Every structure is written in structure tokens, then in C-alpha cells.
Amino acid sequence: MCKRLDTMKLTITSMAGNTSSMNLPTKEDVYYFIDLYKSTLKKNQRVKITCDILGLDGYLQGTAPIR
């Protein structure tokens, strides 16, 4: 399997330790995904987001209302 070098690896880790990764082609796509993902998480949910190439390493708090 050939790894593309022109993508940015974004890793999402839940508070339970489950990890998911994806490769996005541009930094704009990374920021768009983060903004979209944040709107789907409830206010009481957070995940760890990392993207080494962009220097991102922090927690994302949800903004969707708790129902």
C-alpha cells in the first residue's frame, strides 16, 4: 500500500481511548472538518484532536445541545 505524502493526518481520540484517523488534502479541509465535527458533538462530549503537520494537539468540546 502506498502512502500519499500530500495529505494531512488528523487523529481523533475519544475520552474512552478509541482512536480514528483520516487523511485530508488541505489545511482548510482539516479546519472545516474540525468545525463540522464540533457541531455534531454534544456540549458534554469532548475528543482529543491531533494533526502533527499543522501543530494541532488539543481537545475539542462539542457545541450541539444536550437532549
N, C-alpha and C. Protein backbone atom coordinates (compact mmCIF):
# COMPACT_ATOMS: atom_id res chain seq x y z
N MET A 1 0.84 -1.17 0.00
CA MET A 1 0.00 0.00 0.00
C MET A 1 0.88 1.24 0.00
N CYS A 2 0.61 2.16 -0.86
CA CYS A 2 1.39 3.38 -1.00
C CYS A 2 0.75 4.50 -0.19
N LYS A 3 1.52 5.15 0.65
CA LYS A 3 1.01 6.25 1.47
C LYS A 3 1.20 7.56 0.73
N ARG A 4 0.13 8.34 0.64
CA ARG A 4 0.23 9.65 -0.01
C ARG A 4 0.95 10.62 0.91
N LEU A 5 1.89 11.34 0.37
CA LEU A 5 2.67 12.29 1.16
C LEU A 5 2.05 13.68 1.16
N ASP A 6 1.07 13.92 0.29
CA ASP A 6 0.50 15.25 0.18
C ASP A 6 -0.80 15.39 0.97
N THR A 7 -0.99 14.56 1.99
CA THR A 7 -2.19 14.67 2.83
C THR A 7 -1.79 14.95 4.27
N MET A 8 -2.76 15.40 5.04
CA MET A 8 -2.53 15.72 6.44
C MET A 8 -3.31 14.73 7.29
N LYS A 9 -2.61 14.02 8.15
CA LYS A 9 -3.24 13.02 9.00
C LYS A 9 -3.85 13.69 10.22
N LEU A 10 -5.16 13.49 10.38
CA LEU A 10 -5.91 14.01 11.53
C LEU A 10 -6.31 12.81 12.37
N THR A 11 -6.00 12.86 13.65
CA THR A 11 -6.33 11.77 14.57
C THR A 11 -7.30 12.27 15.62
N ILE A 12 -8.37 11.51 15.84
CA ILE A 12 -9.37 11.83 16.84
C ILE A 12 -9.36 10.71 17.87
N THR A 13 -9.24 11.07 19.14
CA THR A 13 -9.24 10.09 20.22
C THR A 13 -10.34 10.44 21.20
N SER A 14 -11.21 9.48 21.47
CA SER A 14 -12.30 9.70 22.43
C SER A 14 -11.75 9.65 23.85
N MET A 15 -12.55 10.09 24.79
CA MET A 15 -12.14 10.05 26.19
C MET A 15 -12.02 8.60 26.68
N ALA A 16 -12.66 7.66 25.98
CA ALA A 16 -12.56 6.24 26.31
C ALA A 16 -11.30 5.60 25.71
N GLY A 17 -10.59 6.36 24.86
CA GLY A 17 -9.35 5.87 24.27
C GLY A 17 -9.48 5.31 22.86
N ASN A 18 -10.67 5.34 22.29
CA ASN A 18 -10.86 4.87 20.92
C ASN A 18 -10.27 5.90 19.96
N THR A 19 -9.52 5.41 18.97
CA THR A 19 -8.82 6.30 18.04
C THR A 19 -9.28 6.07 16.61
N SER A 20 -9.41 7.18 15.89
CA SER A 20 -9.76 7.13 14.48
C SER A 20 -8.87 8.14 13.76
N SER A 21 -8.40 7.77 12.58
CA SER A 21 -7.53 8.66 11.80
C SER A 21 -8.08 8.82 10.40
N MET A 22 -7.77 9.96 9.82
CA MET A 22 -8.14 10.20 8.42
C MET A 22 -7.10 11.12 7.80
N ASN A 23 -6.98 11.04 6.50
CA ASN A 23 -6.07 11.90 5.76
C ASN A 23 -6.88 12.88 4.95
N LEU A 24 -6.58 14.15 5.12
CA LEU A 24 -7.28 15.21 4.39
C LEU A 24 -6.26 15.97 3.54
N PRO A 25 -6.67 16.44 2.37
CA PRO A 25 -5.70 17.01 1.43
C PRO A 25 -5.17 18.41 1.76
N THR A 26 -5.97 19.25 2.45
CA THR A 26 -5.53 20.62 2.72
C THR A 26 -5.80 21.01 4.16
N LYS A 27 -5.12 22.06 4.61
CA LYS A 27 -5.38 22.53 5.97
C LYS A 27 -6.79 23.10 6.09
N GLU A 28 -7.31 23.66 5.01
CA GLU A 28 -8.69 24.17 5.02
C GLU A 28 -9.67 23.03 5.27
N ASP A 29 -9.41 21.87 4.65
CA ASP A 29 -10.26 20.70 4.87
C ASP A 29 -10.18 20.22 6.32
N VAL A 30 -8.99 20.27 6.90
CA VAL A 30 -8.82 19.87 8.30
C VAL A 30 -9.64 20.79 9.20
N TYR A 31 -9.51 22.11 9.01
CA TYR A 31 -10.25 23.05 9.85
C TYR A 31 -11.75 22.97 9.62
N TYR A 32 -12.16 22.72 8.37
CA TYR A 32 -13.59 22.57 8.07
C TYR A 32 -14.14 21.33 8.78
N PHE A 33 -13.40 20.22 8.70
CA PHE A 33 -13.84 19.01 9.37
C PHE A 33 -13.96 19.22 10.88
N ILE A 34 -12.96 19.87 11.48
CA ILE A 34 -12.99 20.11 12.93
C ILE A 34 -14.21 20.94 13.30
N ASP A 35 -14.49 21.98 12.55
CA ASP A 35 -15.65 22.83 12.84
C ASP A 35 -16.96 22.04 12.69
N LEU A 36 -17.05 21.24 11.65
CA LEU A 36 -18.24 20.42 11.42
C LEU A 36 -18.39 19.36 12.51
N TYR A 37 -17.29 18.71 12.86
CA TYR A 37 -17.33 17.65 13.88
C TYR A 37 -17.73 18.22 15.24
N LYS A 38 -17.21 19.41 15.55
CA LYS A 38 -17.55 20.06 16.82
C LYS A 38 -19.05 20.30 16.93
N SER A 39 -19.69 20.64 15.83
CA SER A 39 -21.12 20.93 15.85
C SER A 39 -21.97 19.66 16.01
N THR A 40 -21.36 18.48 15.80
CA THR A 40 -22.11 17.24 15.97
C THR A 40 -21.96 16.65 17.37
N LEU A 41 -20.92 17.07 18.09
CA LEU A 41 -20.72 16.60 19.47
C LEU A 41 -21.62 17.38 20.42
N LYS A 42 -22.16 16.69 21.40
CA LYS A 42 -22.97 17.38 22.41
C LYS A 42 -22.05 18.18 23.32
N LYS A 43 -22.63 19.16 24.01
CA LYS A 43 -21.83 20.06 24.87
C LYS A 43 -21.07 19.31 25.96
N ASN A 44 -21.56 18.14 26.35
CA ASN A 44 -20.88 17.38 27.41
C ASN A 44 -19.90 16.35 26.86
N GLN A 45 -19.60 16.42 25.56
CA GLN A 45 -18.66 15.49 24.93
C GLN A 45 -17.41 16.23 24.48
N ARG A 46 -16.26 15.56 24.62
CA ARG A 46 -15.03 16.10 24.07
C ARG A 46 -14.16 14.99 23.53
N VAL A 47 -13.35 15.35 22.58
CA VAL A 47 -12.40 14.42 21.97
C VAL A 47 -11.05 15.12 21.83
N LYS A 48 -10.01 14.33 21.75
CA LYS A 48 -8.67 14.88 21.52
C LYS A 48 -8.42 14.87 20.02
N ILE A 49 -7.93 15.98 19.51
CA ILE A 49 -7.64 16.14 18.08
C ILE A 49 -6.15 16.39 17.92
N THR A 50 -5.52 15.66 17.02
CA THR A 50 -4.11 15.92 16.71
C THR A 50 -3.89 15.91 15.20
N CYS A 51 -3.05 16.81 14.77
CA CYS A 51 -2.58 16.87 13.39
C CYS A 51 -1.16 17.43 13.46
N ASP A 52 -0.19 16.54 13.45
CA ASP A 52 1.20 16.93 13.65
C ASP A 52 1.69 17.96 12.65
N ILE A 53 1.35 17.80 11.40
CA ILE A 53 1.86 18.69 10.36
C ILE A 53 1.37 20.13 10.55
N LEU A 54 0.19 20.30 11.19
CA LEU A 54 -0.34 21.64 11.46
C LEU A 54 -0.08 22.10 12.90
N GLY A 55 0.51 21.21 13.70
CA GLY A 55 0.79 21.56 15.09
C GLY A 55 -0.44 21.56 15.97
N LEU A 56 -1.48 20.83 15.58
CA LEU A 56 -2.70 20.76 16.39
C LEU A 56 -2.58 19.62 17.39
N ASP A 57 -2.85 19.92 18.64
CA ASP A 57 -2.84 18.91 19.69
C ASP A 57 -3.65 19.46 20.85
N GLY A 58 -4.92 19.12 20.89
CA GLY A 58 -5.76 19.65 21.94
C GLY A 58 -7.11 18.96 21.98
N TYR A 59 -7.99 19.51 22.79
CA TYR A 59 -9.31 18.92 22.98
C TYR A 59 -10.37 19.75 22.29
N LEU A 60 -11.35 19.05 21.75
CA LEU A 60 -12.46 19.67 21.05
C LEU A 60 -13.71 19.43 21.87
N GLN A 61 -14.35 20.52 22.31
CA GLN A 61 -15.59 20.44 23.09
C GLN A 61 -16.77 20.61 22.15
N GLY A 62 -17.79 19.77 22.31
CA GLY A 62 -18.96 19.84 21.47
C GLY A 62 -19.78 21.10 21.69
N THR A 63 -20.58 21.46 20.68
CA THR A 63 -21.43 22.64 20.78
C THR A 63 -22.91 22.32 20.57
N ALA A 64 -23.22 21.07 20.21
CA ALA A 64 -24.62 20.71 19.98
C ALA A 64 -25.37 20.63 21.32
N PRO A 65 -26.64 21.01 21.34
CA PRO A 65 -27.41 20.95 22.58
C PRO A 65 -27.57 19.53 23.09
N ILE A 66 -27.61 19.39 24.40
CA ILE A 66 -27.82 18.09 25.05
C ILE A 66 -29.33 17.84 25.09
N ARG A 67 -29.74 16.70 24.60
CA ARG A 67 -31.18 16.35 24.61
C ARG A 67 -31.43 15.15 25.44
